[in-house]
Amino acid sequence: MRPVLHGDVVAVARVLYGQPLVERALVLKRLIRTADWADGFRRATGRMHPVWGDGSLMTVALAAKPPPEPRLDDVDYCGCMAMVFEALVREFSREDLTVS
């Protein structure tokens, strides 16, 4: 997956916000996995994946046509943002373990 920026987190949280609560964890896992696959394709071929894009979370998330960003006083949306950050902490912690 490409380096993650603030816009990536917002885009993924917007996708989650548009999903039923029970499906969000699975959708989040799928978005991260798809970004990883797309980035692998980009590194291997030097080209963007024709469906999944450049390997950034934002590209994968925006392809899902998320709803507009809610305000930050929306507790449900804040929960989606928290889910994304928690998943990224797990993902980057896992990567740190495999690098050594």
Protein backbone atom coordinates (compact mmCIF):
# COMPACT_ATOMS: atom_id res chain seq x y z
CA MET A 1 0.00 0.00 0.00
CA ARG A 2 1.20 3.51 -0.78
CA PRO A 3 2.04 5.84 2.12
CA VAL A 4 -1.14 6.81 3.94
CA LEU A 5 -2.16 10.46 4.16
CA HIS A 6 -5.04 12.25 5.87
CA GLY A 7 -7.15 12.16 2.70
CA ASP A 8 -6.82 8.38 2.55
CA VAL A 9 -8.22 8.04 6.07
CA VAL A 10 -11.11 10.39 5.29
CA ALA A 11 -11.98 8.57 2.06
CA VAL A 12 -12.01 5.16 3.74
CA ALA A 13 -14.03 6.47 6.71
CA ARG A 14 -16.60 7.85 4.26
CA VAL A 15 -16.91 4.41 2.64
CA LEU A 16 -17.41 2.79 6.05
CA TYR A 17 -19.96 5.42 7.05
CA GLY A 18 -22.09 4.40 4.08
CA GLN A 19 -22.04 0.73 5.09
CA PRO A 20 -24.15 -1.12 7.67
CA LEU A 21 -22.36 -1.36 11.01
CA VAL A 22 -22.04 -5.15 10.80
CA GLU A 23 -20.24 -4.99 7.44
CA ARG A 24 -17.74 -2.24 8.19
CA ALA A 25 -14.88 -4.38 9.50
CA LEU A 26 -15.01 -6.63 6.45
CA VAL A 27 -15.21 -3.67 4.06
CA LEU A 28 -12.24 -2.03 5.78
CA LYS A 29 -10.16 -5.18 5.55
CA ARG A 30 -11.06 -5.50 1.86
CA LEU A 31 -10.08 -1.89 1.10
CA ILE A 32 -6.67 -2.29 2.75
CA ARG A 33 -6.05 -5.62 1.01
CA THR A 34 -7.06 -4.17 -2.36
CA ALA A 35 -4.73 -1.19 -1.92
CA ASP A 36 -1.92 -3.62 -1.08
CA TRP A 37 -2.62 -5.67 -4.22
CA ALA A 38 -2.82 -2.57 -6.41
CA ASP A 39 0.46 -1.25 -5.03
CA GLY A 40 2.11 -4.61 -5.66
CA PHE A 41 0.88 -4.50 -9.24
CA ARG A 42 2.20 -0.93 -9.62
CA ARG A 43 5.62 -1.87 -8.25
CA ALA A 44 5.85 -4.98 -10.42
CA THR A 45 4.70 -3.41 -13.68
CA GLY A 46 5.36 0.30 -13.27
CA ARG A 47 1.70 0.96 -14.14
CA MET A 48 -1.50 1.57 -12.22
CA HIS A 49 -3.79 -1.42 -11.88
CA PRO A 50 -6.64 -0.94 -14.40
CA VAL A 51 -9.35 -1.51 -11.80
CA TRP A 52 -7.77 -0.89 -8.38
CA GLY A 53 -5.65 2.14 -9.24
CA ASP A 54 -2.28 3.27 -7.91
CA GLY A 55 -2.21 1.41 -4.60
CA SER A 56 -3.40 4.27 -2.41
CA LEU A 57 -6.27 3.80 -0.01
CA MET A 58 -7.91 6.93 -1.39
CA THR A 59 -8.04 5.58 -4.94
CA VAL A 60 -9.56 2.31 -3.78
CA ALA A 61 -12.03 4.07 -1.48
CA LEU A 62 -13.17 6.66 -4.02
CA ALA A 63 -13.87 3.88 -6.52
CA ALA A 64 -16.53 2.69 -4.05
CA LYS A 65 -18.33 6.05 -4.49
CA PRO A 66 -18.55 6.99 -0.79
CA PRO A 67 -21.10 9.48 0.53
CA PRO A 68 -20.02 13.06 1.26
CA GLU A 69 -17.96 13.61 4.40
CA PRO A 70 -20.15 14.18 7.46
CA ARG A 71 -19.28 16.69 10.13
CA LEU A 72 -16.96 15.62 12.91
CA ASP A 73 -19.74 15.99 15.50
CA ASP A 74 -21.34 12.89 13.93
CA VAL A 75 -20.48 10.16 16.44
CA ASP A 76 -20.98 7.38 13.91
CA TYR A 77 -18.56 9.01 11.47
CA CYS A 78 -16.00 9.53 14.24
CA GLY A 79 -16.31 5.82 14.98
CA CYS A 80 -15.53 5.10 11.32
CA MET A 81 -12.45 7.33 11.50
CA ALA A 82 -11.35 5.50 14.66
CA MET A 83 -11.82 2.13 12.91
CA VAL A 84 -9.55 3.25 10.09
CA PHE A 85 -6.84 4.50 12.46
CA GLU A 86 -7.00 1.30 14.53
CA ALA A 87 -6.70 -0.83 11.39
CA LEU A 88 -3.72 1.20 10.20
CA VAL A 89 -1.98 0.80 13.56
CA ARG A 90 -2.46 -2.98 13.29
CA GLU A 91 -1.34 -3.01 9.65
CA PHE A 92 1.81 -0.97 10.27
CA SER A 93 2.65 -2.92 13.44
CA ARG A 94 2.38 -6.16 11.45
CA GLU A 95 4.66 -4.73 8.75
CA ASP A 96 7.23 -3.70 11.34
CA LEU A 97 7.36 -7.27 12.61
CA THR A 98 7.93 -8.71 9.13
CA VAL A 99 10.65 -6.25 8.08
CA SER A 100 13.31 -7.52 10.53
